[in-house]
């Protein structure tokens, strides 16, 4: 089962961090859950007034993440969902978005919360979206990871 063995992150001192959340528009119900989880985490950890932007799809997450990183954000949370279909499109979009976000974080030094769900079906996505009845809250998890990394980097 996914989620087992996840670390318990102790996140503190997030006040003053400039954080953006970028979210794809595909799969509205799943995305609403992911965004709600991200915003809940930001509020819990004291991040005031995060920037929230919507992009057409998961493929567009890296270019906007790069623009935000270049504009001085301390952390970016990238949220999206790609559901496997009957063509290789799933593989191409998942790989491009993952590699693009990896490139942004390593080239800029800005932590990217990886909230890109790559699921075989709608049920898996809904189960990870942080909705009532979901087993996991990947929007909250991705945000917490980005914040913990931003705080760590700030302390170096």
C-alpha atoms as a PDB file:
ATOM      1  CA  UNK A   1       0.000   0.000   0.000  1.00  0.00           C
ATOM      2  CA  UNK A   2       1.223   3.470  -0.838  1.00  0.00           C
ATOM      3  CA  UNK A   3       1.889   5.789   2.086  1.00  0.00           C
ATOM      4  CA  UNK A   4       3.319   3.192   4.447  1.00  0.00           C
ATOM      5  CA  UNK A   5       6.613   4.175   5.996  1.00  0.00           C
ATOM      6  CA  UNK A   6       6.111   7.892   5.391  1.00  0.00           C
ATOM      7  CA  UNK A   7       8.225  10.091   7.678  1.00  0.00           C
ATOM      8  CA  UNK A   8       6.642  12.288  10.307  1.00  0.00           C
ATOM      9  CA  UNK A   9       7.992  15.707   9.435  1.00  0.00           C
ATOM     10  CA  UNK A  10       8.464  18.327  12.119  1.00  0.00           C
ATOM     11  CA  UNK A  11       7.948  21.610  10.307  1.00  0.00           C
ATOM     12  CA  UNK A  12       8.438  24.901  12.124  1.00  0.00           C
ATOM     13  CA  UNK A  13       9.481  28.475  11.407  1.00  0.00           C
ATOM     14  CA  UNK A  14       7.606  28.808   8.112  1.00  0.00           C
ATOM     15  CA  UNK A  15       6.473  32.345   8.787  1.00  0.00           C
ATOM     16  CA  UNK A  16       7.746  34.676   6.106  1.00  0.00           C
ATOM     17  CA  UNK A  17       8.210  31.962   3.493  1.00  0.00           C
ATOM     18  CA  UNK A  18       6.981  32.923   0.055  1.00  0.00           C
ATOM     19  CA  UNK A  19       5.167  29.864  -1.305  1.00  0.00           C
ATOM     20  CA  UNK A  20       3.237  29.201  -4.501  1.00  0.00           C
ATOM     21  CA  UNK A  21       0.871  26.364  -5.335  1.00  0.00           C
ATOM     22  CA  UNK A  22       0.407  25.490  -8.996  1.00  0.00           C
ATOM     23  CA  UNK A  23      -2.321  23.067  -9.943  1.00  0.00           C
ATOM     24  CA  UNK A  24      -3.446  21.445 -13.170  1.00  0.00           C
ATOM     25  CA  UNK A  25      -7.048  21.820 -14.268  1.00  0.00           C
ATOM     26  CA  UNK A  26      -7.707  18.226 -15.386  1.00  0.00           C
ATOM     27  CA  UNK A  27      -9.777  15.981 -13.066  1.00  0.00           C
ATOM     28  CA  UNK A  28     -11.497  18.767 -11.151  1.00  0.00           C
ATOM     29  CA  UNK A  29     -12.680  16.725  -8.148  1.00  0.00           C
ATOM     30  CA  UNK A  30      -9.223  15.257  -7.518  1.00  0.00           C
ATOM     31  CA  UNK A  31      -7.570  18.623  -8.004  1.00  0.00           C
ATOM     32  CA  UNK A  32      -9.981  20.337  -5.603  1.00  0.00           C
ATOM     33  CA  UNK A  33      -8.932  17.829  -2.933  1.00  0.00           C
ATOM     34  CA  UNK A  34      -5.227  18.280  -3.621  1.00  0.00           C
ATOM     35  CA  UNK A  35      -5.503  22.077  -3.515  1.00  0.00           C
ATOM     36  CA  UNK A  36      -7.527  21.982  -0.301  1.00  0.00           C
ATOM     37  CA  UNK A  37      -4.876  19.773   1.299  1.00  0.00           C
ATOM     38  CA  UNK A  38      -2.089  22.101   0.202  1.00  0.00           C
ATOM     39  CA  UNK A  39      -3.857  25.202   1.490  1.00  0.00           C
ATOM     40  CA  UNK A  40      -4.669  23.478   4.790  1.00  0.00           C
ATOM     41  CA  UNK A  41      -0.986  22.593   5.264  1.00  0.00           C
ATOM     42  CA  UNK A  42       0.110  26.141   4.471  1.00  0.00           C
ATOM     43  CA  UNK A  43      -2.332  27.521   7.014  1.00  0.00           C
ATOM     44  CA  UNK A  44      -1.278  24.960   9.659  1.00  0.00           C
ATOM     45  CA  UNK A  45       2.366  25.928   9.249  1.00  0.00           C
ATOM     46  CA  UNK A  46       1.769  29.678   9.276  1.00  0.00           C
ATOM     47  CA  UNK A  47       2.340  30.562   5.637  1.00  0.00           C
ATOM     48  CA  UNK A  48       0.294  33.680   4.970  1.00  0.00           C
ATOM     49  CA  UNK A  49      -1.083  34.547   1.546  1.00  0.00           C
ATOM     50  CA  UNK A  50       0.291  31.830  -0.721  1.00  0.00           C
ATOM     51  CA  UNK A  51       0.054  32.366  -4.454  1.00  0.00           C
ATOM     52  CA  UNK A  52      -2.278  29.876  -6.153  1.00  0.00           C
ATOM     53  CA  UNK A  53      -2.119  29.447  -9.925  1.00  0.00           C
ATOM     54  CA  UNK A  54      -3.889  27.049 -12.283  1.00  0.00           C
ATOM     55  CA  UNK A  55      -2.280  25.613 -15.412  1.00  0.00           C
ATOM     56  CA  UNK A  56      -4.000  23.672 -18.208  1.00  0.00           C
ATOM     57  CA  UNK A  57      -2.489  20.284 -17.327  1.00  0.00           C
ATOM     58  CA  UNK A  58       0.344  18.468 -15.590  1.00  0.00           C
ATOM     59  CA  UNK A  59       2.650  18.946 -18.580  1.00  0.00           C
ATOM     60  CA  UNK A  60       2.615  22.707 -17.913  1.00  0.00           C
ATOM     61  CA  UNK A  61       3.646  22.458 -14.250  1.00  0.00           C
ATOM     62  CA  UNK A  62       7.439  22.671 -14.809  1.00  0.00           C
ATOM     63  CA  UNK A  63       7.463  25.882 -16.857  1.00  0.00           C
ATOM     64  CA  UNK A  64       5.369  27.735 -14.293  1.00  0.00           C
ATOM     65  CA  UNK A  65       7.388  26.251 -11.411  1.00  0.00           C
ATOM     66  CA  UNK A  66      10.563  27.575 -13.070  1.00  0.00           C
ATOM     67  CA  UNK A  67       9.075  31.043 -13.511  1.00  0.00           C
ATOM     68  CA  UNK A  68       8.059  31.156  -9.840  1.00  0.00           C
ATOM     69  CA  UNK A  69      11.438  29.862  -8.659  1.00  0.00           C
ATOM     70  CA  UNK A  70      13.148  32.539 -10.760  1.00  0.00           C
ATOM     71  CA  UNK A  71      10.927  35.185  -9.150  1.00  0.00           C
ATOM     72  CA  UNK A  72      12.145  34.479  -5.636  1.00  0.00           C
ATOM     73  CA  UNK A  73       9.629  32.028  -4.184  1.00  0.00           C
ATOM     74  CA  UNK A  74      11.030  29.976  -1.316  1.00  0.00           C
ATOM     75  CA  UNK A  75       9.021  26.882  -2.264  1.00  0.00           C
ATOM     76  CA  UNK A  76       6.628  25.784  -4.984  1.00  0.00           C
ATOM     77  CA  UNK A  77       4.036  23.035  -4.672  1.00  0.00           C
ATOM     78  CA  UNK A  78       3.162  21.342  -7.977  1.00  0.00           C
ATOM     79  CA  UNK A  79      -0.163  19.488  -8.044  1.00  0.00           C
ATOM     80  CA  UNK A  80      -1.525  17.403 -10.879  1.00  0.00           C
ATOM     81  CA  UNK A  81      -2.986  14.059 -11.813  1.00  0.00           C
ATOM     82  CA  UNK A  82      -2.406  11.866 -14.841  1.00  0.00           C
ATOM     83  CA  UNK A  83      -4.558   8.776 -15.231  1.00  0.00           C
ATOM     84  CA  UNK A  84      -3.434   5.909 -17.418  1.00  0.00           C
ATOM     85  CA  UNK A  85      -5.356   5.481 -20.643  1.00  0.00           C
ATOM     86  CA  UNK A  86      -5.038   3.264 -23.664  1.00  0.00           C
ATOM     87  CA  UNK A  87      -2.127   5.111 -25.298  1.00  0.00           C
ATOM     88  CA  UNK A  88       1.479   5.956 -24.335  1.00  0.00           C
ATOM     89  CA  UNK A  89       0.368   9.557 -23.599  1.00  0.00           C
ATOM     90  CA  UNK A  90       0.371   8.704 -19.856  1.00  0.00           C
ATOM     91  CA  UNK A  91       4.034   7.686 -19.924  1.00  0.00           C
ATOM     92  CA  UNK A  92       5.131  10.762 -21.852  1.00  0.00           C
ATOM     93  CA  UNK A  93       3.276  13.265 -19.673  1.00  0.00           C
ATOM     94  CA  UNK A  94       4.350  11.607 -16.400  1.00  0.00           C
ATOM     95  CA  UNK A  95       7.991  11.461 -17.429  1.00  0.00           C
ATOM     96  CA  UNK A  96       8.068  14.994 -18.866  1.00  0.00           C
ATOM     97  CA  UNK A  97       6.398  16.533 -15.818  1.00  0.00           C
ATOM     98  CA  UNK A  98       8.566  14.599 -13.360  1.00  0.00           C
ATOM     99  CA  UNK A  99      11.818  15.343 -15.159  1.00  0.00           C
ATOM    100  CA  UNK A 100      10.807  18.966 -15.685  1.00  0.00           C
ATOM    101  CA  UNK A 101      10.053  19.500 -11.996  1.00  0.00           C
ATOM    102  CA  UNK A 102      13.264  17.721 -11.024  1.00  0.00           C
ATOM    103  CA  UNK A 103      15.220  20.005 -13.325  1.00  0.00           C
ATOM    104  CA  UNK A 104      13.587  23.096 -11.827  1.00  0.00           C
ATOM    105  CA  UNK A 105      14.416  22.172  -8.253  1.00  0.00           C
ATOM    106  CA  UNK A 106      17.993  21.098  -8.950  1.00  0.00           C
ATOM    107  CA  UNK A 107      18.811  24.037 -11.225  1.00  0.00           C
ATOM    108  CA  UNK A 108      17.274  26.733  -9.010  1.00  0.00           C
ATOM    109  CA  UNK A 109      17.688  25.322  -5.504  1.00  0.00           C
ATOM    110  CA  UNK A 110      14.017  26.007  -4.807  1.00  0.00           C
ATOM    111  CA  UNK A 111      12.161  23.058  -3.265  1.00  0.00           C
ATOM    112  CA  UNK A 112       9.284  21.720  -5.335  1.00  0.00           C
ATOM    113  CA  UNK A 113       6.561  19.837  -3.488  1.00  0.00           C
ATOM    114  CA  UNK A 114       5.856  16.884  -5.772  1.00  0.00           C
ATOM    115  CA  UNK A 115       2.100  16.434  -5.752  1.00  0.00           C
ATOM    116  CA  UNK A 116       1.746  14.811  -9.159  1.00  0.00           C
ATOM    117  CA  UNK A 117      -0.476  11.753  -8.917  1.00  0.00           C
ATOM    118  CA  UNK A 118       0.247   9.116 -11.548  1.00  0.00           C
ATOM    119  CA  UNK A 119      -2.566   6.615 -11.263  1.00  0.00           C
ATOM    120  CA  UNK A 120      -3.934   3.654 -13.165  1.00  0.00           C
ATOM    121  CA  UNK A 121      -7.554   4.708 -12.645  1.00  0.00           C
ATOM    122  CA  UNK A 122      -9.891   7.323 -11.166  1.00  0.00           C
ATOM    123  CA  UNK A 123     -10.347   5.360  -7.941  1.00  0.00           C
ATOM    124  CA  UNK A 124      -6.626   5.468  -7.148  1.00  0.00           C
ATOM    125  CA  UNK A 125      -6.562   9.221  -7.744  1.00  0.00           C
ATOM    126  CA  UNK A 126      -9.602   9.838  -5.549  1.00  0.00           C
ATOM    127  CA  UNK A 127      -8.061   7.694  -2.798  1.00  0.00           C
ATOM    128  CA  UNK A 128      -4.992   9.967  -2.710  1.00  0.00           C
ATOM    129  CA  UNK A 129      -6.748  13.334  -3.123  1.00  0.00           C
ATOM    130  CA  UNK A 130      -7.461  14.072   0.540  1.00  0.00           C
ATOM    131  CA  UNK A 131     -11.213  14.024   0.010  1.00  0.00           C
ATOM    132  CA  UNK A 132     -13.633  12.630   2.591  1.00  0.00           C
ATOM    133  CA  UNK A 133     -13.067   8.879   2.492  1.00  0.00           C
ATOM    134  CA  UNK A 134      -9.614   9.138   0.872  1.00  0.00           C
ATOM    135  CA  UNK A 135      -6.823   7.114   2.470  1.00  0.00           C
ATOM    136  CA  UNK A 136      -4.160   9.699   1.681  1.00  0.00           C
ATOM    137  CA  UNK A 137      -3.819  13.470   1.355  1.00  0.00           C
ATOM    138  CA  UNK A 138      -1.065  14.018  -1.193  1.00  0.00           C
ATOM    139  CA  UNK A 139      -1.681  17.774  -1.462  1.00  0.00           C
ATOM    140  CA  UNK A 140      -0.946  18.173   2.243  1.00  0.00           C
ATOM    141  CA  UNK A 141       2.029  15.772   2.055  1.00  0.00           C
ATOM    142  CA  UNK A 142       3.643  17.531  -0.920  1.00  0.00           C
ATOM    143  CA  UNK A 143       3.238  20.907   0.753  1.00  0.00           C
ATOM    144  CA  UNK A 144       4.671  19.699   4.043  1.00  0.00           C
ATOM    145  CA  UNK A 145       7.702  18.253   2.248  1.00  0.00           C
ATOM    146  CA  UNK A 146       8.311  21.508   0.349  1.00  0.00           C
ATOM    147  CA  UNK A 147       8.050  23.563   3.530  1.00  0.00           C
ATOM    148  CA  UNK A 148      10.342  21.249   5.501  1.00  0.00           C
ATOM    149  CA  UNK A 149      12.934  21.473   2.739  1.00  0.00           C
ATOM    150  CA  UNK A 150      12.626  25.281   2.471  1.00  0.00           C
ATOM    151  CA  UNK A 151      13.129  25.638   6.223  1.00  0.00           C
ATOM    152  CA  UNK A 152      16.147  23.316   6.094  1.00  0.00           C
ATOM    153  CA  UNK A 153      17.690  25.263   3.207  1.00  0.00           C
ATOM    154  CA  UNK A 154      17.098  28.547   5.023  1.00  0.00           C
ATOM    155  CA  UNK A 155      19.024  27.182   8.026  1.00  0.00           C
ATOM    156  CA  UNK A 156      22.129  26.236   6.011  1.00  0.00           C
END
